[in-house]
Each structure stands twice: as C-alpha cells, then as structure tokens.
C-alpha atoms as a PDB file:
ATOM      1  CA  MET A   1      32.841 210.741 187.351  1.00  0.00           C
ATOM      2  CA  ILE A   2      29.593 210.588 185.434  1.00  0.00           C
ATOM      3  CA  PRO A   3      28.471 213.929 183.990  1.00  0.00           C
ATOM      4  CA  THR A   4      24.991 215.040 184.975  1.00  0.00           C
ATOM      5  CA  ASP A   5      24.497 218.080 182.740  1.00  0.00           C
ATOM      6  CA  HIS A   6      21.222 218.540 180.889  1.00  0.00           C
ATOM      7  CA  GLU A   7      22.722 217.368 177.596  1.00  0.00           C
ATOM      8  CA  PHE A   8      24.078 214.205 179.146  1.00  0.00           C
ATOM      9  CA  SER A   9      20.731 213.538 180.818  1.00  0.00           C
ATOM     10  CA  LEU A  10      19.168 213.596 177.362  1.00  0.00           C
ATOM     11  CA  LEU A  11      21.790 211.124 176.134  1.00  0.00           C
ATOM     12  CA  TYR A  12      21.146 208.844 179.104  1.00  0.00           C
ATOM     13  CA  MET A  13      17.407 208.983 178.445  1.00  0.00           C
ATOM     14  CA  MET A  14      17.901 208.142 174.746  1.00  0.00           C
ATOM     15  CA  TYR A  15      20.219 205.311 175.672  1.00  0.00           C
ATOM     16  CA  GLY A  16      17.787 203.965 178.272  1.00  0.00           C
ATOM     17  CA  MET A  17      14.891 203.984 175.815  1.00  0.00           C
ATOM     18  CA  LEU A  18      17.002 202.219 173.187  1.00  0.00           C
ATOM     19  CA  LEU A  19      18.151 199.673 175.744  1.00  0.00           C
ATOM     20  CA  ALA A  20      14.581 198.977 176.875  1.00  0.00           C
ATOM     21  CA  PHE A  21      13.426 198.635 173.261  1.00  0.00           C
ATOM     22  CA  LEU A  22      16.230 196.226 172.393  1.00  0.00           C
ATOM     23  CA  ILE A  23      15.725 194.106 175.494  1.00  0.00           C
ATOM     24  CA  ILE A  24      12.018 193.741 174.749  1.00  0.00           C
ATOM     25  CA  LYS A  25      12.699 192.969 171.086  1.00  0.00           C
ATOM     26  CA  ALA A  26      15.532 190.553 171.925  1.00  0.00           C
ATOM     27  CA  ILE A  27      13.176 188.539 174.061  1.00  0.00           C
ATOM     28  CA  THR A  28      10.451 188.422 171.428  1.00  0.00           C
ATOM     29  CA  SER A  29      12.271 188.414 168.077  1.00  0.00           C
ATOM     30  CA  ASP A  30      15.579 188.496 166.222  1.00  0.00           C
ATOM     31  CA  TYR A  31      17.231 191.586 167.741  1.00  0.00           C
ATOM     32  CA  LYS A  32      19.884 189.619 169.613  1.00  0.00           C
ATOM     33  CA  MET A  33      22.697 190.938 167.406  1.00  0.00           C
ATOM     34  CA  HIS A  34      21.706 194.527 168.193  1.00  0.00           C
ATOM     35  CA  LEU A  35      21.851 193.695 171.885  1.00  0.00           C
ATOM     36  CA  ILE A  36      25.427 192.447 171.462  1.00  0.00           C
ATOM     37  CA  PHE A  37      26.439 195.680 169.733  1.00  0.00           C
ATOM     38  CA  LEU A  38      24.690 197.687 172.432  1.00  0.00           C
ATOM     39  CA  SER A  39      26.609 195.887 175.167  1.00  0.00           C
ATOM     40  CA  ILE A  40      29.913 196.598 173.385  1.00  0.00           C
ATOM     41  CA  TYR A  41      28.866 200.227 173.026  1.00  0.00           C
ATOM     42  CA  THR A  42      27.933 200.363 176.712  1.00  0.00           C
ATOM     43  CA  ALA A  43      31.330 199.059 177.778  1.00  0.00           C
ATOM     44  CA  PHE A  44      33.039 201.585 175.497  1.00  0.00           C
ATOM     45  CA  LEU A  45      31.064 204.525 176.885  1.00  0.00           C
ATOM     46  CA  ILE A  46      31.596 203.445 180.484  1.00  0.00           C
ATOM     47  CA  PHE A  47      35.315 203.497 179.741  1.00  0.00           C
ATOM     48  CA  ILE A  48      35.059 206.978 178.201  1.00  0.00           C
ATOM     49  CA  PHE A  49      32.768 208.446 180.873  1.00  0.00           C
ATOM     50  CA  SER A  50      34.889 207.134 183.737  1.00  0.00           C
ATOM     51  CA  ASP A  51      38.033 208.964 182.574  1.00  0.00           C
ATOM     52  CA  ARG A  52      38.074 212.480 183.992  1.00  0.00           C
ATOM     53  CA  SER A  53      40.526 213.760 181.373  1.00  0.00           C
ATOM     54  CA  ASN A  54      37.947 213.251 178.602  1.00  0.00           C
ATOM     55  CA  PHE A  55      35.922 216.142 180.035  1.00  0.00           C
ATOM     56  CA  GLU A  56      38.706 218.659 180.590  1.00  0.00           C
ATOM     57  CA  GLY A  57      39.357 221.576 178.293  1.00  0.00           C
ATOM     58  CA  GLY A  58      35.918 221.693 176.700  1.00  0.00           C
ATOM     59  CA  SER A  59      36.023 218.211 175.223  1.00  0.00           C
ATOM     60  CA  SER A  60      32.778 217.151 176.891  1.00  0.00           C
ATOM     61  CA  LEU A  61      30.827 218.107 173.763  1.00  0.00           C
ATOM     62  CA  GLY A  62      32.927 215.659 171.768  1.00  0.00           C
ATOM     63  CA  VAL A  63      32.102 212.924 174.244  1.00  0.00           C
ATOM     64  CA  LEU A  64      28.430 213.874 174.035  1.00  0.00           C
ATOM     65  CA  LEU A  65      28.517 213.758 170.233  1.00  0.00           C
ATOM     66  CA  LEU A  66      30.283 210.394 170.287  1.00  0.00           C
ATOM     67  CA  GLY A  67      27.688 208.930 172.632  1.00  0.00           C
ATOM     68  CA  ALA A  68      24.732 210.311 170.699  1.00  0.00           C
ATOM     69  CA  SER A  69      26.133 209.219 167.345  1.00  0.00           C
ATOM     70  CA  PHE A  70      26.232 205.566 168.368  1.00  0.00           C
ATOM     71  CA  VAL A  71      22.645 205.688 169.610  1.00  0.00           C
ATOM     72  CA  GLY A  72      21.560 207.425 166.402  1.00  0.00           C
ATOM     73  CA  LEU A  73      23.429 204.916 164.253  1.00  0.00           C
ATOM     74  CA  GLN A  74      21.828 201.997 166.070  1.00  0.00           C
ATOM     75  CA  LEU A  75      18.363 203.497 165.622  1.00  0.00           C
ATOM     76  CA  LEU A  76      19.084 204.142 161.935  1.00  0.00           C
ATOM     77  CA  ILE A  77      20.089 200.505 161.462  1.00  0.00           C
ATOM     78  CA  ILE A  78      16.916 199.284 163.173  1.00  0.00           C
ATOM     79  CA  ILE A  79      14.712 201.581 161.074  1.00  0.00           C
ATOM     80  CA  THR A  80      16.485 200.517 157.867  1.00  0.00           C
ATOM     81  CA  ILE A  81      15.964 196.840 158.680  1.00  0.00           C
ATOM     82  CA  LYS A  82      12.272 197.445 159.397  1.00  0.00           C
ATOM     83  CA  ILE A  83      11.793 199.338 156.121  1.00  0.00           C
ATOM     84  CA  TYR A  84      13.614 196.624 154.177  1.00  0.00           C
ATOM     85  CA  LYS A  85      11.469 193.895 155.727  1.00  0.00           C
ATOM     86  CA  GLU A  86       8.276 195.812 154.951  1.00  0.00           C
ATOM     87  CA  LEU A  87       9.321 196.431 151.351  1.00  0.00           C
ATOM     88  CA  ARG A  88      10.255 192.793 150.904  1.00  0.00           C
ATOM     89  CA  LYS A  89       6.935 191.716 152.405  1.00  0.00           C
ATOM     90  CA  THR A  90       4.910 193.976 150.091  1.00  0.00           C
ATOM     91  CA  ALA A  91       6.909 192.857 147.031  1.00  0.00           C
ATOM     92  CA  ASN A  92       5.863 189.233 147.567  1.00  0.00           C
END
C-alpha cells in the first residue's frame, strides 16, 4: 500500500528531486556518502510505507512528517557543506 494523497505526492516529488540531484553529484563529485545515507533512508521508508497499520487511526501525518524530515535534513546537510566550502575558499 503506497499512499497517493496530495501531501504524499509532494513528498515523493521532493524525494525524487533529491535523488536525482544526489545521483548527478555522486557521478561528478564527492557526494557518494550522501547517496549511501539516501539508500538507507529509502529502505527505511519503503518498510514504513508498506505497512498498512502505519496509516490507520490518523497516523499518516506522522509518517508524512517523518519522510519529509529526512529529506529536509539531507538538504540542510548539503547546503551547510556548500556554505562551509565557500567560506573556506574565500578565507584562503
């Protein structure tokens, strides 16, 4: 059972864009560690989305928040690394 509500479609779109970005960056630069974390995250969410009981009793918003928080955290880490590299480059 994979939810297809509007909110989950937004999560899937965010996840797809992040996945495409990381695949392109992993091929061209040093984002291989992020790709490993993304694959672990993908396996975890497949496990959560495939269990029907996670969506009963109004807990689907918790699942949505959990999924979006990992994507947001990954993007925050990438942005922080980019800012740090730029600051280090301008300091030299």
